[in-house]
Full PDB file with SEQRES, HELIX, SHEET, SSBOND, CRYST1, ORIGX, SCALE, CONECT and MASTER records, all heavy atoms in Angstrom:
SEQRES   1 A   35  GLY VAL PRO PRO ALA VAL ALA LYS ALA PHE ALA SER LEU          
SEQRES   2 A   35  LEU PRO ALA MET ILE THR ILE SER ALA PHE ALA LEU VAL          
SEQRES   3 A   35  ALA ALA ILE PHE ALA ALA PHE GLY VAL                          
HELIX    1 AA1 PRO A    4  ALA A   11  1                                   8    
HELIX    2 AA2 LEU A   13  ALA A   32  1                                  20    
CRYST1    1.000    1.000    1.000  90.00  90.00  90.00 P 1           1          
ORIGX1      1.000000  0.000000  0.000000        0.00000                         
ORIGX2      0.000000  1.000000  0.000000        0.00000                         
ORIGX3      0.000000  0.000000  1.000000        0.00000                         
SCALE1      1.000000  0.000000  0.000000        0.00000                         
SCALE2      0.000000  1.000000  0.000000        0.00000                         
SCALE3      0.000000  0.000000  1.000000        0.00000                         
ATOM      1  N   GLY A   1      -7.552  24.850  -2.348  1.00  0.00           N  
ATOM      2  CA  GLY A   1      -7.720  25.268  -0.944  1.00  0.00           C  
ATOM      3  C   GLY A   1      -7.409  24.176   0.124  1.00  0.00           C  
ATOM      4  O   GLY A   1      -7.349  24.502   1.265  1.00  0.00           O  
ATOM      5  N   VAL A   2      -7.114  22.959  -0.290  1.00  0.00           N  
ATOM      6  CA  VAL A   2      -6.838  21.935   0.683  1.00  0.00           C  
ATOM      7  C   VAL A   2      -5.376  22.096   1.284  1.00  0.00           C  
ATOM      8  O   VAL A   2      -4.464  22.436   0.472  1.00  0.00           O  
ATOM      9  CB  VAL A   2      -6.919  20.512  -0.091  1.00  0.00           C  
ATOM     10  CG1 VAL A   2      -6.470  19.425   0.881  1.00  0.00           C  
ATOM     11  CG2 VAL A   2      -8.256  20.264  -0.562  1.00  0.00           C  
ATOM     12  N   PRO A   3      -5.177  21.909   2.512  1.00  0.00           N  
ATOM     13  CA  PRO A   3      -3.825  21.990   3.125  1.00  0.00           C  
ATOM     14  C   PRO A   3      -2.771  21.124   2.395  1.00  0.00           C  
ATOM     15  O   PRO A   3      -3.162  20.003   1.950  1.00  0.00           O  
ATOM     16  CB  PRO A   3      -4.032  21.621   4.597  1.00  0.00           C  
ATOM     17  CG  PRO A   3      -5.428  21.910   4.826  1.00  0.00           C  
ATOM     18  CD  PRO A   3      -6.217  21.644   3.607  1.00  0.00           C  
ATOM     19  N   PRO A   4      -1.519  21.552   2.262  1.00  0.00           N  
ATOM     20  CA  PRO A   4      -0.545  20.731   1.560  1.00  0.00           C  
ATOM     21  C   PRO A   4      -0.389  19.378   1.996  1.00  0.00           C  
ATOM     22  O   PRO A   4      -0.231  18.337   1.282  1.00  0.00           O  
ATOM     23  CB  PRO A   4       0.717  21.631   1.722  1.00  0.00           C  
ATOM     24  CG  PRO A   4       0.218  22.965   1.894  1.00  0.00           C  
ATOM     25  CD  PRO A   4      -1.113  22.860   2.633  1.00  0.00           C  
ATOM     26  N   ALA A   5      -0.428  19.291   3.445  1.00  0.00           N  
ATOM     27  CA  ALA A   5      -0.209  17.892   4.019  1.00  0.00           C  
ATOM     28  C   ALA A   5      -1.346  16.966   3.514  1.00  0.00           C  
ATOM     29  O   ALA A   5      -1.072  15.710   3.234  1.00  0.00           O  
ATOM     30  CB  ALA A   5      -0.117  18.007   5.594  1.00  0.00           C  
ATOM     31  N   VAL A   6      -2.525  17.430   3.533  1.00  0.00           N  
ATOM     32  CA  VAL A   6      -3.617  16.598   3.095  1.00  0.00           C  
ATOM     33  C   VAL A   6      -3.498  16.285   1.612  1.00  0.00           C  
ATOM     34  O   VAL A   6      -3.680  15.006   1.204  1.00  0.00           O  
ATOM     35  CB  VAL A   6      -4.979  17.276   3.375  1.00  0.00           C  
ATOM     36  CG1 VAL A   6      -6.202  16.460   2.876  1.00  0.00           C  
ATOM     37  CG2 VAL A   6      -5.076  17.622   4.840  1.00  0.00           C  
ATOM     38  N   ALA A   7      -3.173  17.243   0.784  1.00  0.00           N  
ATOM     39  CA  ALA A   7      -3.009  16.984  -0.568  1.00  0.00           C  
ATOM     40  C   ALA A   7      -1.943  15.882  -0.816  1.00  0.00           C  
ATOM     41  O   ALA A   7      -2.015  15.082  -1.718  1.00  0.00           O  
ATOM     42  CB  ALA A   7      -2.656  18.312  -1.348  1.00  0.00           C  
ATOM     43  N   LYS A   8      -0.861  16.125  -0.144  1.00  0.00           N  
ATOM     44  CA  LYS A   8       0.253  15.133  -0.324  1.00  0.00           C  
ATOM     45  C   LYS A   8      -0.192  13.679   0.069  1.00  0.00           C  
ATOM     46  O   LYS A   8       0.263  12.762  -0.536  1.00  0.00           O  
ATOM     47  CB  LYS A   8       1.494  15.539   0.536  1.00  0.00           C  
ATOM     48  CG  LYS A   8       2.814  14.832   0.258  1.00  0.00           C  
ATOM     49  CD  LYS A   8       3.930  15.289   1.144  1.00  0.00           C  
ATOM     50  CE  LYS A   8       4.361  16.785   0.677  1.00  0.00           C  
ATOM     51  NZ  LYS A   8       5.571  17.127   1.476  1.00  0.00           N  
ATOM     52  N   ALA A   9      -0.865  13.624   1.147  1.00  0.00           N  
ATOM     53  CA  ALA A   9      -1.343  12.254   1.650  1.00  0.00           C  
ATOM     54  C   ALA A   9      -2.232  11.592   0.566  1.00  0.00           C  
ATOM     55  O   ALA A   9      -2.125  10.363   0.305  1.00  0.00           O  
ATOM     56  CB  ALA A   9      -2.163  12.443   2.915  1.00  0.00           C  
ATOM     57  N   PHE A  10      -3.195  12.332  -0.014  1.00  0.00           N  
ATOM     58  CA  PHE A  10      -4.021  11.783  -1.129  1.00  0.00           C  
ATOM     59  C   PHE A  10      -3.263  11.494  -2.339  1.00  0.00           C  
ATOM     60  O   PHE A  10      -3.649  10.571  -3.048  1.00  0.00           O  
ATOM     61  CB  PHE A  10      -5.227  12.735  -1.298  1.00  0.00           C  
ATOM     62  CG  PHE A  10      -6.406  12.620  -0.373  1.00  0.00           C  
ATOM     63  CD1 PHE A  10      -6.449  13.246   0.806  1.00  0.00           C  
ATOM     64  CD2 PHE A  10      -7.387  11.636  -0.693  1.00  0.00           C  
ATOM     65  CE1 PHE A  10      -7.591  13.005   1.715  1.00  0.00           C  
ATOM     66  CE2 PHE A  10      -8.409  11.450   0.144  1.00  0.00           C  
ATOM     67  CZ  PHE A  10      -8.489  12.192   1.328  1.00  0.00           C  
ATOM     68  N   ALA A  11      -2.262  12.272  -2.642  1.00  0.00           N  
ATOM     69  CA  ALA A  11      -1.513  11.964  -3.841  1.00  0.00           C  
ATOM     70  C   ALA A  11      -0.686  10.654  -3.725  1.00  0.00           C  
ATOM     71  O   ALA A  11      -0.383  10.013  -4.767  1.00  0.00           O  
ATOM     72  CB  ALA A  11      -0.474  13.141  -4.085  1.00  0.00           C  
ATOM     73  N   SER A  12      -0.418  10.259  -2.428  1.00  0.00           N  
ATOM     74  CA  SER A  12       0.297   9.057  -2.222  1.00  0.00           C  
ATOM     75  C   SER A  12      -0.576   7.877  -1.982  1.00  0.00           C  
ATOM     76  O   SER A  12      -0.191   6.694  -1.808  1.00  0.00           O  
ATOM     77  CB  SER A  12       1.259   9.216  -1.124  1.00  0.00           C  
ATOM     78  OG  SER A  12       2.185  10.214  -1.279  1.00  0.00           O  
ATOM     79  N   LEU A  13      -1.896   8.107  -1.943  1.00  0.00           N  
ATOM     80  CA  LEU A  13      -2.869   7.076  -1.510  1.00  0.00           C  
ATOM     81  C   LEU A  13      -2.843   5.847  -2.313  1.00  0.00           C  
ATOM     82  O   LEU A  13      -2.637   4.651  -1.892  1.00  0.00           O  
ATOM     83  CB  LEU A  13      -4.329   7.668  -1.472  1.00  0.00           C  
ATOM     84  CG  LEU A  13      -5.406   6.663  -0.958  1.00  0.00           C  
ATOM     85  CD1 LEU A  13      -5.114   6.180   0.438  1.00  0.00           C  
ATOM     86  CD2 LEU A  13      -6.835   7.323  -1.115  1.00  0.00           C  
ATOM     87  N   LEU A  14      -3.084   5.961  -3.633  1.00  0.00           N  
ATOM     88  CA  LEU A  14      -3.114   4.733  -4.488  1.00  0.00           C  
ATOM     89  C   LEU A  14      -1.726   4.016  -4.661  1.00  0.00           C  
ATOM     90  O   LEU A  14      -1.716   2.904  -4.583  1.00  0.00           O  
ATOM     91  CB  LEU A  14      -3.783   5.075  -5.810  1.00  0.00           C  
ATOM     92  CG  LEU A  14      -5.147   5.521  -5.881  1.00  0.00           C  
ATOM     93  CD1 LEU A  14      -5.640   6.011  -7.246  1.00  0.00           C  
ATOM     94  CD2 LEU A  14      -6.086   4.324  -5.265  1.00  0.00           C  
ATOM     95  N   PRO A  15      -0.607   4.800  -4.851  1.00  0.00           N  
ATOM     96  CA  PRO A  15       0.655   4.202  -4.833  1.00  0.00           C  
ATOM     97  C   PRO A  15       0.969   3.418  -3.610  1.00  0.00           C  
ATOM     98  O   PRO A  15       1.485   2.340  -3.605  1.00  0.00           O  
ATOM     99  CB  PRO A  15       1.714   5.365  -5.084  1.00  0.00           C  
ATOM    100  CG  PRO A  15       0.857   6.383  -5.848  1.00  0.00           C  
ATOM    101  CD  PRO A  15      -0.554   6.274  -5.180  1.00  0.00           C  
ATOM    102  N   ALA A  16       0.539   3.956  -2.477  1.00  0.00           N  
ATOM    103  CA  ALA A  16       0.786   3.267  -1.114  1.00  0.00           C  
ATOM    104  C   ALA A  16       0.015   2.072  -1.117  1.00  0.00           C  
ATOM    105  O   ALA A  16       0.502   0.948  -0.709  1.00  0.00           O  
ATOM    106  CB  ALA A  16       0.400   4.217  -0.043  1.00  0.00           C  
ATOM    107  N   MET A  17      -1.298   2.124  -1.374  1.00  0.00           N  
ATOM    108  CA  MET A  17      -2.140   0.931  -1.353  1.00  0.00           C  
ATOM    109  C   MET A  17      -1.620  -0.164  -2.287  1.00  0.00           C  
ATOM    110  O   MET A  17      -1.624  -1.375  -1.903  1.00  0.00           O  
ATOM    111  CB  MET A  17      -3.509   1.264  -1.733  1.00  0.00           C  
ATOM    112  CG  MET A  17      -4.246   2.254  -0.668  1.00  0.00           C  
ATOM    113  SD  MET A  17      -5.969   2.777  -1.184  1.00  0.00           S  
ATOM    114  CE  MET A  17      -6.774   1.197  -1.334  1.00  0.00           C  
ATOM    115  N   ILE A  18      -1.274   0.060  -3.428  1.00  0.00           N  
ATOM    116  CA  ILE A  18      -0.710  -0.814  -4.381  1.00  0.00           C  
ATOM    117  C   ILE A  18       0.570  -1.523  -3.936  1.00  0.00           C  
ATOM    118  O   ILE A  18       0.729  -2.737  -3.929  1.00  0.00           O  
ATOM    119  CB  ILE A  18      -0.514  -0.231  -5.814  1.00  0.00           C  
ATOM    120  CG1 ILE A  18      -1.921   0.258  -6.392  1.00  0.00           C  
ATOM    121  CG2 ILE A  18       0.178  -1.259  -6.788  1.00  0.00           C  
ATOM    122  CD1 ILE A  18      -1.875   1.045  -7.686  1.00  0.00           C  
ATOM    123  N   THR A  19       1.480  -0.674  -3.471  1.00  0.00           N  
ATOM    124  CA  THR A  19       2.712  -1.155  -3.017  1.00  0.00           C  
ATOM    125  C   THR A  19       2.705  -2.130  -1.762  1.00  0.00           C  
ATOM    126  O   THR A  19       3.214  -3.246  -1.821  1.00  0.00           O  
ATOM    127  CB  THR A  19       3.662  -0.012  -2.647  1.00  0.00           C  
ATOM    128  OG1 THR A  19       3.802   0.817  -3.777  1.00  0.00           O  
ATOM    129  CG2 THR A  19       5.065  -0.462  -2.215  1.00  0.00           C  
ATOM    130  N   ILE A  20       1.926  -1.717  -0.774  1.00  0.00           N  
ATOM    131  CA  ILE A  20       1.755  -2.484   0.418  1.00  0.00           C  
ATOM    132  C   ILE A  20       0.976  -3.758   0.110  1.00  0.00           C  
ATOM    133  O   ILE A  20       1.321  -4.852   0.661  1.00  0.00           O  
ATOM    134  CB  ILE A  20       1.136  -1.733   1.542  1.00  0.00           C  
ATOM    135  CG1 ILE A  20       2.035  -0.554   1.963  1.00  0.00           C  
ATOM    136  CG2 ILE A  20       0.781  -2.589   2.784  1.00  0.00           C  
ATOM    137  CD1 ILE A  20       1.346   0.484   2.974  1.00  0.00           C  
ATOM    138  N   SER A  21       0.003  -3.679  -0.782  1.00  0.00           N  
ATOM    139  CA  SER A  21      -0.806  -4.804  -1.138  1.00  0.00           C  
ATOM    140  C   SER A  21       0.084  -5.774  -1.902  1.00  0.00           C  
ATOM    141  O   SER A  21      -0.199  -7.049  -1.679  1.00  0.00           O  
ATOM    142  CB  SER A  21      -1.994  -4.458  -2.050  1.00  0.00           C  
ATOM    143  OG  SER A  21      -2.900  -3.572  -1.330  1.00  0.00           O  
ATOM    144  N   ALA A  22       1.009  -5.352  -2.657  1.00  0.00           N  
ATOM    145  CA  ALA A  22       1.913  -6.297  -3.405  1.00  0.00           C  
ATOM    146  C   ALA A  22       2.788  -7.133  -2.374  1.00  0.00           C  
ATOM    147  O   ALA A  22       2.964  -8.363  -2.500  1.00  0.00           O  
ATOM    148  CB  ALA A  22       2.791  -5.505  -4.352  1.00  0.00           C  
ATOM    149  N   PHE A  23       3.232  -6.501  -1.340  1.00  0.00           N  
ATOM    150  CA  PHE A  23       4.081  -7.274  -0.265  1.00  0.00           C  
ATOM    151  C   PHE A  23       3.136  -8.107   0.596  1.00  0.00           C  
ATOM    152  O   PHE A  23       3.481  -9.247   0.922  1.00  0.00           O  
ATOM    153  CB  PHE A  23       4.829  -6.222   0.603  1.00  0.00           C  
ATOM    154  CG  PHE A  23       6.020  -5.680  -0.010  1.00  0.00           C  
ATOM    155  CD1 PHE A  23       5.996  -4.444  -0.776  1.00  0.00           C  
ATOM    156  CD2 PHE A  23       7.169  -6.417   0.016  1.00  0.00           C  
ATOM    157  CE1 PHE A  23       7.052  -3.965  -1.306  1.00  0.00           C  
ATOM    158  CE2 PHE A  23       8.393  -5.887  -0.632  1.00  0.00           C  
ATOM    159  CZ  PHE A  23       8.349  -4.651  -1.358  1.00  0.00           C  
ATOM    160  N   ALA A  24       1.896  -7.742   0.743  1.00  0.00           N  
ATOM    161  CA  ALA A  24       0.980  -8.484   1.544  1.00  0.00           C  
ATOM    162  C   ALA A  24       0.648  -9.813   0.708  1.00  0.00           C  
ATOM    163  O   ALA A  24       0.522 -10.884   1.181  1.00  0.00           O  
ATOM    164  CB  ALA A  24      -0.297  -7.732   1.797  1.00  0.00           C  
ATOM    165  N   LEU A  25       0.536  -9.598  -0.688  1.00  0.00           N  
ATOM    166  CA  LEU A  25       0.231 -10.725  -1.486  1.00  0.00           C  
ATOM    167  C   LEU A  25       1.483 -11.764  -1.523  1.00  0.00           C  
ATOM    168  O   LEU A  25       1.206 -12.941  -1.440  1.00  0.00           O  
ATOM    169  CB  LEU A  25       0.070 -10.321  -2.952  1.00  0.00           C  
ATOM    170  CG  LEU A  25      -0.273 -11.362  -3.996  1.00  0.00           C  
ATOM    171  CD1 LEU A  25      -1.571 -12.106  -3.593  1.00  0.00           C  
ATOM    172  CD2 LEU A  25      -0.355 -10.723  -5.361  1.00  0.00           C  
ATOM    173  N   VAL A  26       2.658 -11.195  -1.478  1.00  0.00           N  
ATOM    174  CA  VAL A  26       3.842 -12.158  -1.451  1.00  0.00           C  
ATOM    175  C   VAL A  26       3.816 -12.873  -0.055  1.00  0.00           C  
ATOM    176  O   VAL A  26       4.085 -14.068  -0.115  1.00  0.00           O  
ATOM    177  CB  VAL A  26       5.208 -11.269  -1.435  1.00  0.00           C  
ATOM    178  CG1 VAL A  26       6.379 -12.118  -1.185  1.00  0.00           C  
ATOM    179  CG2 VAL A  26       5.244 -10.664  -2.864  1.00  0.00           C  
ATOM    180  N   ALA A  27       3.517 -12.147   1.011  1.00  0.00           N  
ATOM    181  CA  ALA A  27       3.409 -12.915   2.346  1.00  0.00           C  
ATOM    182  C   ALA A  27       2.325 -13.926   2.349  1.00  0.00           C  
ATOM    183  O   ALA A  27       2.532 -15.056   2.790  1.00  0.00           O  
ATOM    184  CB  ALA A  27       3.123 -11.880   3.383  1.00  0.00           C  
ATOM    185  N   ALA A  28       1.212 -13.656   1.687  1.00  0.00           N  
ATOM    186  CA  ALA A  28       0.128 -14.598   1.601  1.00  0.00           C  
ATOM    187  C   ALA A  28       0.452 -15.902   0.825  1.00  0.00           C  
ATOM    188  O   ALA A  28       0.136 -17.016   1.183  1.00  0.00           O  
ATOM    189  CB  ALA A  28      -1.136 -13.968   1.048  1.00  0.00           C  
ATOM    190  N   ILE A  29       1.200 -15.651  -0.284  1.00  0.00           N  
ATOM    191  CA  ILE A  29       1.783 -16.867  -1.043  1.00  0.00           C  
ATOM    192  C   ILE A  29       2.693 -17.669  -0.290  1.00  0.00           C  
ATOM    193  O   ILE A  29       2.593 -18.873  -0.312  1.00  0.00           O  
ATOM    194  CB  ILE A  29       2.400 -16.227  -2.362  1.00  0.00           C  
ATOM    195  CG1 ILE A  29       1.455 -15.517  -3.333  1.00  0.00           C  
ATOM    196  CG2 ILE A  29       3.152 -17.428  -3.174  1.00  0.00           C  
ATOM    197  CD1 ILE A  29       2.033 -14.775  -4.478  1.00  0.00           C  
ATOM    198  N   PHE A  30       3.638 -17.074   0.487  1.00  0.00           N  
ATOM    199  CA  PHE A  30       4.528 -17.749   1.210  1.00  0.00           C  
ATOM    200  C   PHE A  30       3.757 -18.557   2.412  1.00  0.00           C  
ATOM    201  O   PHE A  30       4.068 -19.719   2.678  1.00  0.00           O  
ATOM    202  CB  PHE A  30       5.584 -16.880   1.948  1.00  0.00           C  
ATOM    203  CG  PHE A  30       6.800 -16.555   1.064  1.00  0.00           C  
ATOM    204  CD1 PHE A  30       6.883 -15.491   0.299  1.00  0.00           C  
ATOM    205  CD2 PHE A  30       7.769 -17.479   1.114  1.00  0.00           C  
ATOM    206  CE1 PHE A  30       8.015 -15.171  -0.417  1.00  0.00           C  
ATOM    207  CE2 PHE A  30       8.980 -17.241   0.372  1.00  0.00           C  
ATOM    208  CZ  PHE A  30       9.081 -16.083  -0.432  1.00  0.00           C  
ATOM    209  N   ALA A  31       2.813 -17.902   2.938  1.00  0.00           N  
ATOM    210  CA  ALA A  31       1.920 -18.586   4.008  1.00  0.00           C  
ATOM    211  C   ALA A  31       1.247 -19.707   3.460  1.00  0.00           C  
ATOM    212  O   ALA A  31       1.058 -20.756   4.028  1.00  0.00           O  
ATOM    213  CB  ALA A  31       0.984 -17.569   4.639  1.00  0.00           C  
ATOM    214  N   ALA A  32       0.738 -19.623   2.115  1.00  0.00           N  
ATOM    215  CA  ALA A  32       0.036 -20.747   1.533  1.00  0.00           C  
ATOM    216  C   ALA A  32       0.909 -21.958   1.369  1.00  0.00           C  
ATOM    217  O   ALA A  32       0.484 -23.130   1.315  1.00  0.00           O  
ATOM    218  CB  ALA A  32      -0.489 -20.313   0.130  1.00  0.00           C  
ATOM    219  N   PHE A  33       2.281 -21.735   1.296  1.00  0.00           N  
ATOM    220  CA  PHE A  33       3.269 -22.846   1.233  1.00  0.00           C  
ATOM    221  C   PHE A  33       3.773 -23.251   2.617  1.00  0.00           C  
ATOM    222  O   PHE A  33       4.840 -23.881   2.662  1.00  0.00           O  
ATOM    223  CB  PHE A  33       4.385 -22.522   0.255  1.00  0.00           C  
ATOM    224  CG  PHE A  33       3.977 -22.514  -1.265  1.00  0.00           C  
ATOM    225  CD1 PHE A  33       3.587 -21.318  -1.840  1.00  0.00           C  
ATOM    226  CD2 PHE A  33       3.950 -23.692  -1.827  1.00  0.00           C  
ATOM    227  CE1 PHE A  33       3.229 -21.448  -3.234  1.00  0.00           C  
ATOM    228  CE2 PHE A  33       3.578 -23.753  -3.362  1.00  0.00           C  
ATOM    229  CZ  PHE A  33       3.193 -22.467  -3.909  1.00  0.00           C  
ATOM    230  N   GLY A  34       3.162 -22.718   3.601  1.00  0.00           N  
ATOM    231  CA  GLY A  34       3.571 -23.041   5.074  1.00  0.00           C  
ATOM    232  C   GLY A  34       4.734 -22.224   5.708  1.00  0.00           C  
ATOM    233  O   GLY A  34       5.173 -22.589   6.707  1.00  0.00           O  
ATOM    234  N   VAL A  35       5.024 -21.100   4.968  1.00  0.00           N  
ATOM    235  CA  VAL A  35       6.126 -20.253   5.415  1.00  0.00           C  
ATOM    236  C   VAL A  35       5.412 -19.062   6.190  1.00  0.00           C  
ATOM    237  O   VAL A  35       5.086 -18.023   5.492  1.00  0.00           O  
ATOM    238  CB  VAL A  35       7.139 -19.804   4.438  1.00  0.00           C  
ATOM    239  CG1 VAL A  35       8.153 -18.875   5.015  1.00  0.00           C  
ATOM    240  CG2 VAL A  35       7.719 -21.023   3.613  1.00  0.00           C  
TER     241      VAL A  35                                                      
MASTER        0    0    0    2    0    0    0    6  240    1    0    3          
END                                                                             
């Protein structure tokens, strides 16, 4: 019964969090080396 837009958003929730977190981690590593 959940609207398709809501269902699609939740379906992408964990993949989105993992993907963006991976790039945030890369940025943090560069920052640790002064970049």
